[in-house]
Structure formats: C-alpha cells, structure tokens
Amino acid sequence: MTTSNEKLLKGIRVDLAMWREGRNTPAGTMYLCTLVLITTGFMVLLAELASNKYMLLAGIPGVVLVWKLCQKMFAGKALTWPAVLDDKLSRYQPRNRQAWDQLQACVREKQALEHDDVERWYWHENGHDRPPAAFRFLNKN
C-alpha cells in the first residue's frame, strides 16, 4: 500500500471517529466560524454606524449578503461526513476487494453513505473479521 493510500486510510479512521462523536467536518466548522465572525463584525459595524433601530433593520440585507458570500467561499467543500468520506474513498485504492464491493453495493442500495457501512468496510479492510463489539463481553465465548 502506498504512503498516500496509508494516509487516506488513517484519515478515514479519524473521520469515522469524529462522525461517530457527532462533530462537524473540518470544512463545516470553518464555514460556521467564518459565517459567525463575518456576520458579527458586520453587525458591530452597523451598530456603530446606526443611530437608530431602523438603520439596524436596513442591515438585514447585508447579513444575507454575508451568508451568500460564505456559501460562495465554501462552494465545493465537503461540509458533511458522507461528502468528506466520499472524497477520500474515491481516491483510496482498496486492498480487500470483497469488502470494497460490499460497501459499494450498500451505498447503491441505500443511495447513501452511512457511518456503519463505512466502518464495517474499514474493519474488513484492516484484516479484521468484524468490527469490535460495543460491549467487550459479547466477544467472550
């Protein structure tokens, strides 16, 4: 396996863990931070310039403009975990063809890239028979 392929697989593992924990994608976090910072700065500027509440109401179109600007800045960025993993999986060269085909079949059937399916593929790709059970005692015979 090539070095870039190894990095992709490690990145997929990290992404799966972050997705499982309910975290935002890196681009999603950056999008939200940028949106909040620009909007806050714009509103502070308006508050300084506005002498009455009607001038602040005039700033609402400006906030919409800022939101549209952020959308343009982040257009094409993977803002969801399925999009992030789709990008990485499209560049990854699989070792376990059977597990890869099974993942592709699941995605075609469900028309969605789901966490459990990618995690199952990941564990098979690393040579494990099955993902670790949520409870350790289930593995004990």
C-alpha atoms as a PDB file:
ATOM      1  CA  MET A   1       0.000   0.000   0.000  1.00  0.00           C
ATOM      2  CA  THR A   2       1.409   3.402  -0.929  1.00  0.00           C
ATOM      3  CA  THR A   3       2.133   6.107   1.578  1.00  0.00           C
ATOM      4  CA  SER A   4      -0.665   8.340   0.272  1.00  0.00           C
ATOM      5  CA  ASN A   5      -3.041   5.379   0.468  1.00  0.00           C
ATOM      6  CA  GLU A   6      -1.981   4.760   4.078  1.00  0.00           C
ATOM      7  CA  LYS A   7      -2.608   8.423   4.888  1.00  0.00           C
ATOM      8  CA  LEU A   8      -6.040   8.226   3.297  1.00  0.00           C
ATOM      9  CA  LEU A   9      -6.913   5.138   5.360  1.00  0.00           C
ATOM     10  CA  LYS A  10      -5.745   6.837   8.572  1.00  0.00           C
ATOM     11  CA  GLY A  11      -7.752   9.917   7.616  1.00  0.00           C
ATOM     12  CA  ILE A  12     -10.818   7.740   7.052  1.00  0.00           C
ATOM     13  CA  ARG A  13     -10.365   6.244  10.531  1.00  0.00           C
ATOM     14  CA  VAL A  14     -10.176   9.716  12.105  1.00  0.00           C
ATOM     15  CA  ASP A  15     -13.188  10.922  10.112  1.00  0.00           C
ATOM     16  CA  LEU A  16     -15.229   7.900  11.194  1.00  0.00           C
ATOM     17  CA  ALA A  17     -14.406   8.588  14.846  1.00  0.00           C
ATOM     18  CA  MET A  18     -15.354  12.265  14.517  1.00  0.00           C
ATOM     19  CA  TRP A  19     -18.575  11.354  12.695  1.00  0.00           C
ATOM     20  CA  ARG A  20     -19.457   8.830  15.418  1.00  0.00           C
ATOM     21  CA  GLU A  21     -18.900  11.529  18.072  1.00  0.00           C
ATOM     22  CA  GLY A  22     -21.230  13.895  16.222  1.00  0.00           C
ATOM     23  CA  ARG A  23     -18.580  16.500  15.434  1.00  0.00           C
ATOM     24  CA  ASN A  24     -18.744  18.831  12.452  1.00  0.00           C
ATOM     25  CA  THR A  25     -16.487  18.283   9.474  1.00  0.00           C
ATOM     26  CA  PRO A  26     -13.370  20.484   9.387  1.00  0.00           C
ATOM     27  CA  ALA A  27     -14.827  22.485   6.465  1.00  0.00           C
ATOM     28  CA  GLY A  28     -18.194  22.678   8.249  1.00  0.00           C
ATOM     29  CA  THR A  29     -16.553  24.064  11.371  1.00  0.00           C
ATOM     30  CA  MET A  30     -14.592  26.581   9.318  1.00  0.00           C
ATOM     31  CA  TYR A  31     -17.778  27.565   7.467  1.00  0.00           C
ATOM     32  CA  LEU A  32     -19.667  28.198  10.711  1.00  0.00           C
ATOM     33  CA  CYS A  33     -16.778  30.129  12.275  1.00  0.00           C
ATOM     34  CA  THR A  34     -16.358  32.288   9.185  1.00  0.00           C
ATOM     35  CA  LEU A  35     -20.074  32.932   8.976  1.00  0.00           C
ATOM     36  CA  VAL A  36     -20.324  33.897  12.649  1.00  0.00           C
ATOM     37  CA  LEU A  37     -17.208  36.085  12.606  1.00  0.00           C
ATOM     38  CA  ILE A  38     -18.114  37.968   9.437  1.00  0.00           C
ATOM     39  CA  THR A  39     -21.745  38.408  10.499  1.00  0.00           C
ATOM     40  CA  THR A  40     -20.732  39.579  13.982  1.00  0.00           C
ATOM     41  CA  GLY A  41     -18.228  42.029  12.536  1.00  0.00           C
ATOM     42  CA  PHE A  42     -20.810  43.320  10.108  1.00  0.00           C
ATOM     43  CA  MET A  43     -23.410  43.754  12.866  1.00  0.00           C
ATOM     44  CA  VAL A  44     -20.915  45.542  15.148  1.00  0.00           C
ATOM     45  CA  LEU A  45     -20.050  47.889  12.300  1.00  0.00           C
ATOM     46  CA  LEU A  46     -23.723  48.540  11.669  1.00  0.00           C
ATOM     47  CA  ALA A  47     -24.361  49.148  15.355  1.00  0.00           C
ATOM     48  CA  GLU A  48     -21.556  51.695  15.443  1.00  0.00           C
ATOM     49  CA  LEU A  49     -22.841  53.467  12.353  1.00  0.00           C
ATOM     50  CA  ALA A  50     -26.517  53.248  13.117  1.00  0.00           C
ATOM     51  CA  SER A  51     -28.053  55.989  15.179  1.00  0.00           C
ATOM     52  CA  ASN A  52     -31.429  54.274  15.471  1.00  0.00           C
ATOM     53  CA  LYS A  53     -33.035  50.845  15.286  1.00  0.00           C
ATOM     54  CA  TYR A  54     -34.320  51.421  11.745  1.00  0.00           C
ATOM     55  CA  MET A  55     -30.768  51.633  10.450  1.00  0.00           C
ATOM     56  CA  LEU A  56     -30.093  48.243  12.065  1.00  0.00           C
ATOM     57  CA  LEU A  57     -33.085  46.801  10.190  1.00  0.00           C
ATOM     58  CA  ALA A  58     -31.513  48.056   6.993  1.00  0.00           C
ATOM     59  CA  GLY A  59     -28.537  45.797   7.805  1.00  0.00           C
ATOM     60  CA  ILE A  60     -30.563  42.599   7.384  1.00  0.00           C
ATOM     61  CA  PRO A  61     -29.911  42.508   3.624  1.00  0.00           C
ATOM     62  CA  GLY A  62     -26.223  42.891   4.484  1.00  0.00           C
ATOM     63  CA  VAL A  63     -26.355  39.807   6.705  1.00  0.00           C
ATOM     64  CA  VAL A  64     -27.999  37.880   3.866  1.00  0.00           C
ATOM     65  CA  LEU A  65     -25.229  39.101   1.561  1.00  0.00           C
ATOM     66  CA  VAL A  66     -22.605  37.893   4.052  1.00  0.00           C
ATOM     67  CA  TRP A  67     -24.313  34.481   4.207  1.00  0.00           C
ATOM     68  CA  LYS A  68     -24.278  34.248   0.387  1.00  0.00           C
ATOM     69  CA  LEU A  69     -20.595  35.233   0.372  1.00  0.00           C
ATOM     70  CA  CYS A  70     -19.781  32.431   2.829  1.00  0.00           C
ATOM     71  CA  GLN A  71     -21.693  29.975   0.660  1.00  0.00           C
ATOM     72  CA  LYS A  72     -19.606  31.009  -2.354  1.00  0.00           C
ATOM     73  CA  MET A  73     -16.366  30.801  -0.371  1.00  0.00           C
ATOM     74  CA  PHE A  74     -17.147  27.243   0.703  1.00  0.00           C
ATOM     75  CA  ALA A  75     -18.808  26.027  -2.501  1.00  0.00           C
ATOM     76  CA  GLY A  76     -17.467  22.601  -3.389  1.00  0.00           C
ATOM     77  CA  LYS A  77     -16.120  21.974   0.113  1.00  0.00           C
ATOM     78  CA  ALA A  78     -17.260  18.813   1.827  1.00  0.00           C
ATOM     79  CA  LEU A  79     -19.496  20.091   4.624  1.00  0.00           C
ATOM     80  CA  THR A  80     -20.998  16.695   5.569  1.00  0.00           C
ATOM     81  CA  TRP A  81     -19.310  13.477   6.657  1.00  0.00           C
ATOM     82  CA  PRO A  82     -20.689  11.464   3.732  1.00  0.00           C
ATOM     83  CA  ALA A  83     -19.207  14.051   1.340  1.00  0.00           C
ATOM     84  CA  VAL A  84     -15.841  14.036   3.157  1.00  0.00           C
ATOM     85  CA  LEU A  85     -15.641  10.253   3.097  1.00  0.00           C
ATOM     86  CA  ASP A  86     -16.882  10.030  -0.489  1.00  0.00           C
ATOM     87  CA  ASP A  87     -13.968  12.250  -1.493  1.00  0.00           C
ATOM     88  CA  LYS A  88     -11.433  10.130   0.385  1.00  0.00           C
ATOM     89  CA  LEU A  89     -12.908   6.809  -0.729  1.00  0.00           C
ATOM     90  CA  SER A  90     -12.866   7.957  -4.367  1.00  0.00           C
ATOM     91  CA  ARG A  91      -9.072   8.399  -4.083  1.00  0.00           C
ATOM     92  CA  TYR A  92      -8.404   5.276  -1.993  1.00  0.00           C
ATOM     93  CA  GLN A  93      -7.051   2.084  -3.585  1.00  0.00           C
ATOM     94  CA  PRO A  94      -8.719  -0.812  -1.714  1.00  0.00           C
ATOM     95  CA  ARG A  95      -6.835  -3.932  -0.624  1.00  0.00           C
ATOM     96  CA  ASN A  96      -9.866  -6.051   0.277  1.00  0.00           C
ATOM     97  CA  ARG A  97     -11.876  -6.155  -2.953  1.00  0.00           C
ATOM     98  CA  GLN A  98     -14.732  -8.159  -1.449  1.00  0.00           C
ATOM     99  CA  ALA A  99     -15.282  -5.632   1.359  1.00  0.00           C
ATOM    100  CA  TRP A 100     -14.995  -2.774  -1.153  1.00  0.00           C
ATOM    101  CA  ASP A 101     -17.619  -4.331  -3.435  1.00  0.00           C
ATOM    102  CA  GLN A 102     -19.892  -4.881  -0.435  1.00  0.00           C
ATOM    103  CA  LEU A 103     -19.563  -1.209   0.586  1.00  0.00           C
ATOM    104  CA  GLN A 104     -20.369  -0.094  -2.956  1.00  0.00           C
ATOM    105  CA  ALA A 105     -23.406  -2.407  -3.053  1.00  0.00           C
ATOM    106  CA  CYS A 106     -24.695  -0.992   0.261  1.00  0.00           C
ATOM    107  CA  VAL A 107     -24.335   2.576  -0.980  1.00  0.00           C
ATOM    108  CA  ARG A 108     -26.054   1.777  -4.277  1.00  0.00           C
ATOM    109  CA  GLU A 109     -28.927   0.078  -2.455  1.00  0.00           C
ATOM    110  CA  LYS A 110     -29.408   2.779   0.191  1.00  0.00           C
ATOM    111  CA  GLN A 111     -28.430   5.691  -2.055  1.00  0.00           C
ATOM    112  CA  ALA A 112     -26.487   7.000   0.926  1.00  0.00           C
ATOM    113  CA  LEU A 113     -23.076   6.638   2.508  1.00  0.00           C
ATOM    114  CA  GLU A 114     -23.768   5.638   6.107  1.00  0.00           C
ATOM    115  CA  HIS A 115     -21.381   5.519   9.042  1.00  0.00           C
ATOM    116  CA  ASP A 116     -21.990   1.864   9.922  1.00  0.00           C
ATOM    117  CA  ASP A 117     -21.364   0.683   6.359  1.00  0.00           C
ATOM    118  CA  VAL A 118     -18.087   2.598   6.051  1.00  0.00           C
ATOM    119  CA  GLU A 119     -16.958   1.455   9.489  1.00  0.00           C
ATOM    120  CA  ARG A 120     -17.714  -2.176   8.605  1.00  0.00           C
ATOM    121  CA  TRP A 121     -15.691  -1.788   5.408  1.00  0.00           C
ATOM    122  CA  TYR A 122     -12.853  -0.119   7.339  1.00  0.00           C
ATOM    123  CA  TRP A 123     -12.524  -3.032   9.763  1.00  0.00           C
ATOM    124  CA  HIS A 124     -12.548  -5.594   6.943  1.00  0.00           C
ATOM    125  CA  GLU A 125     -10.007  -3.507   5.032  1.00  0.00           C
ATOM    126  CA  ASN A 126      -7.676  -3.796   8.022  1.00  0.00           C
ATOM    127  CA  GLY A 127      -7.984  -7.583   8.094  1.00  0.00           C
ATOM    128  CA  HIS A 128     -10.459  -7.962  10.956  1.00  0.00           C
ATOM    129  CA  ASP A 129     -13.330 -10.425  10.715  1.00  0.00           C
ATOM    130  CA  ARG A 130     -15.788  -7.984  12.237  1.00  0.00           C
ATOM    131  CA  PRO A 131     -15.850  -4.585  13.903  1.00  0.00           C
ATOM    132  CA  PRO A 132     -15.282  -4.600  17.644  1.00  0.00           C
ATOM    133  CA  ALA A 133     -18.481  -5.050  19.585  1.00  0.00           C
ATOM    134  CA  ALA A 134     -19.794  -2.118  21.563  1.00  0.00           C
ATOM    135  CA  PHE A 135     -19.646  -4.386  24.617  1.00  0.00           C
ATOM    136  CA  ARG A 136     -16.498  -6.430  25.175  1.00  0.00           C
ATOM    137  CA  PHE A 137     -18.289  -9.327  26.851  1.00  0.00           C
ATOM    138  CA  LEU A 138     -20.085 -10.117  23.569  1.00  0.00           C
ATOM    139  CA  ASN A 139     -16.733 -11.274  22.151  1.00  0.00           C
ATOM    140  CA  LYS A 140     -16.237 -13.750  25.010  1.00  0.00           C
ATOM    141  CA  ASN A 141     -17.270 -17.342  24.297  1.00  0.00           C
END
